[in-house]
N, C-alpha and C. Protein backbone atom coordinates (compact mmCIF):
# COMPACT_ATOMS: atom_id res chain seq x y z
N MET A 1 -116.40 -48.58 133.82
CA MET A 1 -116.07 -49.98 133.80
C MET A 1 -117.16 -50.74 134.56
N GLN A 2 -117.50 -51.92 134.10
CA GLN A 2 -118.55 -52.72 134.73
C GLN A 2 -117.95 -53.84 135.58
N TYR A 3 -118.65 -54.17 136.65
CA TYR A 3 -118.24 -55.22 137.58
C TYR A 3 -119.45 -56.09 137.89
N SER A 4 -119.20 -57.36 138.18
CA SER A 4 -120.25 -58.29 138.58
C SER A 4 -119.88 -58.90 139.91
N VAL A 5 -120.86 -58.99 140.80
CA VAL A 5 -120.68 -59.58 142.12
C VAL A 5 -121.75 -60.64 142.30
N TRP A 6 -121.36 -61.87 142.65
CA TRP A 6 -122.32 -62.94 142.84
C TRP A 6 -123.15 -62.69 144.09
N ASN A 7 -124.47 -62.79 143.94
CA ASN A 7 -125.39 -62.60 145.05
C ASN A 7 -125.95 -63.97 145.40
N SER A 8 -125.54 -64.53 146.53
CA SER A 8 -125.95 -65.87 146.93
C SER A 8 -127.45 -65.96 147.20
N ALA A 9 -128.03 -64.88 147.72
CA ALA A 9 -129.45 -64.90 148.06
C ALA A 9 -130.33 -65.03 146.82
N SER A 10 -130.01 -64.28 145.76
CA SER A 10 -130.83 -64.31 144.56
C SER A 10 -130.32 -65.28 143.50
N LYS A 11 -129.13 -65.84 143.73
CA LYS A 11 -128.49 -66.75 142.76
C LYS A 11 -128.30 -66.08 141.40
N ARG A 12 -127.97 -64.80 141.44
CA ARG A 12 -127.73 -64.01 140.23
C ARG A 12 -126.56 -63.06 140.49
N TYR A 13 -126.05 -62.46 139.43
CA TYR A 13 -125.00 -61.46 139.56
C TYR A 13 -125.62 -60.08 139.72
N ASP A 14 -125.07 -59.28 140.61
CA ASP A 14 -125.41 -57.86 140.72
C ASP A 14 -124.40 -57.10 139.88
N TYR A 15 -124.88 -56.19 139.05
CA TYR A 15 -124.00 -55.41 138.17
C TYR A 15 -123.74 -54.05 138.78
N TYR A 16 -122.48 -53.64 138.73
CA TYR A 16 -122.05 -52.35 139.23
C TYR A 16 -121.27 -51.63 138.15
N GLN A 17 -121.18 -50.31 138.28
CA GLN A 17 -120.43 -49.53 137.30
C GLN A 17 -119.70 -48.39 138.00
N THR A 18 -118.50 -48.09 137.50
CA THR A 18 -117.74 -46.94 137.96
C THR A 18 -117.44 -46.05 136.76
N SER A 19 -117.03 -44.85 137.03
CA SER A 19 -116.72 -43.92 135.94
C SER A 19 -115.34 -44.17 135.34
N GLN A 20 -114.51 -44.96 135.99
CA GLN A 20 -113.17 -45.21 135.46
C GLN A 20 -113.24 -46.04 134.18
N ARG A 21 -112.32 -45.78 133.29
CA ARG A 21 -112.23 -46.51 132.02
C ARG A 21 -111.00 -47.38 132.05
N SER A 22 -111.10 -48.56 131.44
CA SER A 22 -109.96 -49.46 131.35
C SER A 22 -109.48 -49.49 129.91
N SER A 23 -108.20 -49.23 129.72
CA SER A 23 -107.63 -49.29 128.38
C SER A 23 -106.98 -50.64 128.11
N ALA A 24 -106.98 -51.51 129.13
CA ALA A 24 -106.36 -52.82 128.98
C ALA A 24 -107.25 -53.73 128.13
N THR A 25 -106.61 -54.65 127.44
CA THR A 25 -107.37 -55.59 126.60
C THR A 25 -107.84 -56.80 127.40
N HIS A 26 -107.30 -57.00 128.58
CA HIS A 26 -107.76 -58.08 129.45
C HIS A 26 -107.69 -57.62 130.89
N ALA A 27 -108.25 -58.40 131.78
CA ALA A 27 -108.36 -57.99 133.18
C ALA A 27 -107.06 -58.11 133.94
N GLY A 28 -106.12 -58.90 133.47
CA GLY A 28 -104.89 -59.09 134.22
C GLY A 28 -105.07 -60.12 135.30
N ALA A 29 -104.06 -60.32 136.09
CA ALA A 29 -104.10 -61.32 137.14
C ALA A 29 -104.82 -60.76 138.37
N PRO A 30 -105.62 -61.60 139.03
CA PRO A 30 -106.25 -61.14 140.27
C PRO A 30 -105.21 -61.02 141.37
N PRO A 31 -105.56 -60.39 142.47
CA PRO A 31 -104.60 -60.28 143.57
C PRO A 31 -104.20 -61.66 144.07
N SER A 32 -103.00 -61.76 144.62
CA SER A 32 -102.55 -63.06 145.12
C SER A 32 -103.35 -63.45 146.36
N ALA A 33 -103.66 -64.70 146.46
CA ALA A 33 -104.41 -65.21 147.61
C ALA A 33 -103.41 -65.59 148.70
N LEU A 34 -103.23 -64.74 149.66
CA LEU A 34 -102.22 -64.96 150.69
C LEU A 34 -102.62 -66.05 151.68
N MET A 35 -103.91 -66.35 151.76
CA MET A 35 -104.38 -67.36 152.70
C MET A 35 -104.73 -68.67 151.99
N ALA A 36 -104.24 -68.86 150.79
CA ALA A 36 -104.55 -70.07 150.03
C ALA A 36 -103.92 -71.29 150.69
N SER A 37 -104.60 -72.41 150.54
CA SER A 37 -104.08 -73.66 151.07
C SER A 37 -103.47 -74.47 149.93
N ALA A 38 -103.10 -75.70 150.22
CA ALA A 38 -102.55 -76.58 149.19
C ALA A 38 -103.60 -76.88 148.13
N LEU A 39 -104.87 -76.76 148.48
CA LEU A 39 -105.95 -77.04 147.54
C LEU A 39 -106.31 -75.82 146.69
N GLY A 40 -105.77 -74.67 147.03
CA GLY A 40 -106.06 -73.46 146.27
C GLY A 40 -106.71 -72.41 147.16
N ALA A 41 -107.33 -71.44 146.52
CA ALA A 41 -107.94 -70.33 147.23
C ALA A 41 -109.45 -70.31 146.98
N THR A 42 -110.18 -69.74 147.91
CA THR A 42 -111.61 -69.55 147.70
C THR A 42 -111.80 -68.38 146.75
N VAL A 43 -113.01 -68.22 146.26
CA VAL A 43 -113.31 -67.12 145.35
C VAL A 43 -113.05 -65.78 146.04
N ASP A 44 -113.46 -65.66 147.28
CA ASP A 44 -113.26 -64.40 148.00
C ASP A 44 -111.80 -64.09 148.25
N GLN A 45 -110.96 -65.11 148.39
CA GLN A 45 -109.54 -64.87 148.60
C GLN A 45 -108.83 -64.48 147.32
N ALA A 46 -109.30 -64.94 146.19
CA ALA A 46 -108.59 -64.72 144.93
C ALA A 46 -109.20 -63.63 144.05
N ALA A 47 -110.32 -63.08 144.43
CA ALA A 47 -111.01 -62.11 143.58
C ALA A 47 -110.62 -60.67 143.91
N TRP A 48 -110.85 -59.78 142.94
CA TRP A 48 -110.68 -58.36 143.18
C TRP A 48 -111.80 -57.89 144.10
N SER A 49 -111.55 -56.83 144.84
CA SER A 49 -112.59 -56.20 145.65
C SER A 49 -113.34 -55.20 144.78
N LEU A 50 -114.62 -55.08 145.00
CA LEU A 50 -115.43 -54.10 144.29
C LEU A 50 -114.93 -52.70 144.66
N PRO A 51 -114.65 -51.85 143.67
CA PRO A 51 -114.13 -50.51 143.99
C PRO A 51 -115.13 -49.70 144.83
N ILE A 52 -114.59 -48.91 145.72
CA ILE A 52 -115.43 -48.03 146.53
C ILE A 52 -116.09 -47.01 145.59
N GLY A 53 -117.34 -46.77 145.78
CA GLY A 53 -118.07 -45.81 144.96
C GLY A 53 -118.76 -46.42 143.76
N ALA A 54 -118.66 -47.74 143.58
CA ALA A 54 -119.34 -48.38 142.45
C ALA A 54 -120.85 -48.33 142.68
N GLN A 55 -121.59 -47.99 141.64
CA GLN A 55 -123.05 -47.86 141.71
C GLN A 55 -123.71 -49.09 141.12
N LYS A 56 -124.72 -49.63 141.82
CA LYS A 56 -125.44 -50.79 141.30
C LYS A 56 -126.31 -50.34 140.13
N ILE A 57 -126.22 -51.09 139.02
CA ILE A 57 -126.98 -50.72 137.82
C ILE A 57 -127.93 -51.82 137.37
N GLY A 58 -127.95 -52.94 138.07
CA GLY A 58 -128.87 -54.01 137.69
C GLY A 58 -128.40 -55.36 138.17
N GLU A 59 -129.02 -56.40 137.61
CA GLU A 59 -128.65 -57.77 137.94
C GLU A 59 -128.97 -58.67 136.77
N GLY A 60 -128.37 -59.84 136.75
CA GLY A 60 -128.62 -60.75 135.65
C GLY A 60 -128.04 -62.13 135.90
N GLU A 61 -128.30 -63.01 134.97
CA GLU A 61 -127.90 -64.41 135.09
C GLU A 61 -126.41 -64.63 134.82
N TYR A 62 -125.82 -63.80 133.98
CA TYR A 62 -124.42 -63.97 133.57
C TYR A 62 -123.58 -62.78 134.01
N ALA A 63 -122.30 -63.04 134.24
CA ALA A 63 -121.38 -61.99 134.66
C ALA A 63 -121.06 -61.05 133.50
N ARG A 64 -120.87 -59.78 133.82
CA ARG A 64 -120.44 -58.77 132.85
C ARG A 64 -119.23 -58.05 133.43
N GLY A 65 -118.28 -57.74 132.58
CA GLY A 65 -117.09 -57.01 133.05
C GLY A 65 -116.23 -57.86 133.95
N ARG A 66 -115.66 -57.24 134.95
CA ARG A 66 -114.77 -57.92 135.88
C ARG A 66 -115.59 -58.50 137.03
N VAL A 67 -115.35 -59.77 137.34
CA VAL A 67 -116.04 -60.41 138.46
C VAL A 67 -115.29 -60.08 139.74
N CYS A 68 -116.00 -59.56 140.72
CA CYS A 68 -115.40 -59.12 141.98
C CYS A 68 -116.14 -59.72 143.15
N LYS A 69 -115.56 -59.53 144.32
CA LYS A 69 -116.26 -59.84 145.56
C LYS A 69 -116.76 -58.52 146.13
N SER A 70 -117.83 -58.56 146.86
CA SER A 70 -118.34 -57.34 147.45
C SER A 70 -117.48 -56.96 148.65
N ALA A 71 -117.54 -55.71 149.02
CA ALA A 71 -116.78 -55.26 150.19
C ALA A 71 -117.28 -55.93 151.45
N SER A 72 -118.56 -56.28 151.49
CA SER A 72 -119.13 -56.90 152.68
C SER A 72 -118.69 -58.34 152.85
N SER A 73 -118.13 -58.96 151.80
CA SER A 73 -117.67 -60.34 151.94
C SER A 73 -116.32 -60.41 152.65
N SER A 74 -115.70 -59.26 152.83
CA SER A 74 -114.44 -59.20 153.57
C SER A 74 -114.73 -59.26 155.06
N LEU A 75 -113.76 -59.67 155.86
CA LEU A 75 -113.93 -59.63 157.31
C LEU A 75 -113.95 -58.20 157.82
N LEU A 76 -113.45 -57.28 157.03
CA LEU A 76 -113.39 -55.89 157.41
C LEU A 76 -114.36 -55.08 156.55
N PRO A 77 -114.87 -53.97 157.04
CA PRO A 77 -115.93 -53.26 156.34
C PRO A 77 -115.52 -52.48 155.10
N PHE A 78 -114.25 -52.36 154.81
CA PHE A 78 -113.83 -51.56 153.67
C PHE A 78 -113.19 -52.42 152.61
N ALA A 79 -113.42 -52.09 151.35
CA ALA A 79 -112.82 -52.85 150.24
C ALA A 79 -111.33 -52.55 150.17
N GLY A 80 -110.57 -53.52 149.72
CA GLY A 80 -109.17 -53.30 149.46
C GLY A 80 -108.24 -53.44 150.64
N ILE A 81 -108.74 -53.86 151.80
CA ILE A 81 -107.85 -54.01 152.95
C ILE A 81 -107.84 -55.46 153.42
N ASP A 82 -108.05 -56.37 152.51
CA ASP A 82 -108.03 -57.79 152.85
C ASP A 82 -106.66 -58.24 153.31
N ALA A 83 -105.61 -57.49 152.98
CA ALA A 83 -104.26 -57.86 153.39
C ALA A 83 -104.12 -57.84 154.91
N LEU A 84 -105.01 -57.16 155.60
CA LEU A 84 -104.95 -57.14 157.06
C LEU A 84 -105.40 -58.45 157.67
N THR A 85 -105.98 -59.34 156.88
CA THR A 85 -106.45 -60.62 157.40
C THR A 85 -105.54 -61.77 157.00
N THR A 86 -104.32 -61.47 156.61
CA THR A 86 -103.37 -62.52 156.25
C THR A 86 -102.82 -63.16 157.52
N PRO A 87 -102.36 -64.40 157.45
CA PRO A 87 -101.86 -65.08 158.65
C PRO A 87 -100.80 -64.31 159.44
N PRO A 88 -99.78 -63.69 158.81
CA PRO A 88 -98.79 -62.96 159.62
C PRO A 88 -99.40 -61.80 160.41
N VAL A 89 -100.33 -61.09 159.79
CA VAL A 89 -100.96 -59.96 160.48
C VAL A 89 -101.85 -60.46 161.60
N LEU A 90 -102.62 -61.52 161.34
CA LEU A 90 -103.47 -62.09 162.39
C LEU A 90 -102.63 -62.62 163.55
N LEU A 91 -101.49 -63.21 163.26
CA LEU A 91 -100.60 -63.68 164.31
C LEU A 91 -100.08 -62.52 165.15
N ALA A 92 -99.69 -61.43 164.49
CA ALA A 92 -99.20 -60.26 165.21
C ALA A 92 -100.30 -59.67 166.10
N ILE A 93 -101.52 -59.65 165.61
CA ILE A 93 -102.65 -59.14 166.41
C ILE A 93 -102.87 -60.05 167.62
N ALA A 94 -102.82 -61.36 167.41
CA ALA A 94 -103.02 -62.31 168.51
C ALA A 94 -101.93 -62.16 169.57
N VAL A 95 -100.67 -62.03 169.14
CA VAL A 95 -99.57 -61.87 170.09
C VAL A 95 -99.73 -60.56 170.85
N GLY A 96 -100.07 -59.50 170.16
CA GLY A 96 -100.29 -58.22 170.82
C GLY A 96 -101.43 -58.28 171.83
N ALA A 97 -102.52 -58.96 171.46
CA ALA A 97 -103.65 -59.10 172.38
C ALA A 97 -103.26 -59.92 173.60
N TYR A 98 -102.45 -60.95 173.41
CA TYR A 98 -102.00 -61.77 174.53
C TYR A 98 -101.18 -60.93 175.52
N PHE A 99 -100.21 -60.17 175.02
CA PHE A 99 -99.39 -59.37 175.91
C PHE A 99 -100.19 -58.25 176.57
N TRP A 100 -101.14 -57.69 175.88
CA TRP A 100 -102.00 -56.68 176.48
C TRP A 100 -102.81 -57.31 177.62
N TRP A 101 -103.39 -58.49 177.37
CA TRP A 101 -104.21 -59.15 178.38
C TRP A 101 -103.37 -59.55 179.59
N ARG A 102 -102.15 -60.05 179.33
CA ARG A 102 -101.28 -60.51 180.39
C ARG A 102 -100.81 -59.36 181.28
N ASN A 103 -100.63 -58.18 180.73
CA ASN A 103 -100.10 -57.05 181.48
C ASN A 103 -101.15 -56.08 182.01
N ARG A 104 -102.39 -56.41 181.91
CA ARG A 104 -103.40 -55.47 182.39
C ARG A 104 -103.65 -55.57 183.86
């Protein structure tokens, strides 16, 4: 399956490929944007993450396959764990850090 990731530096798409095959006729809905505002979600919040192990096969002006965000565009270094940056999780981390700091 092919994936495209927008490269801001080169103003082009980087093409990636994995060995998995898709039997679906369309891409389906992207993951829900849990941090969306009343105005909507950013591309990084609403896009699929590039699968781990995808190999870069080129670049070009137009997107091919499924458009994704790179794993490095996440606040965390691994793809697919963007759910850890949702407001409830961030709030729990902040509360935990506060109590840890207060009791040290």
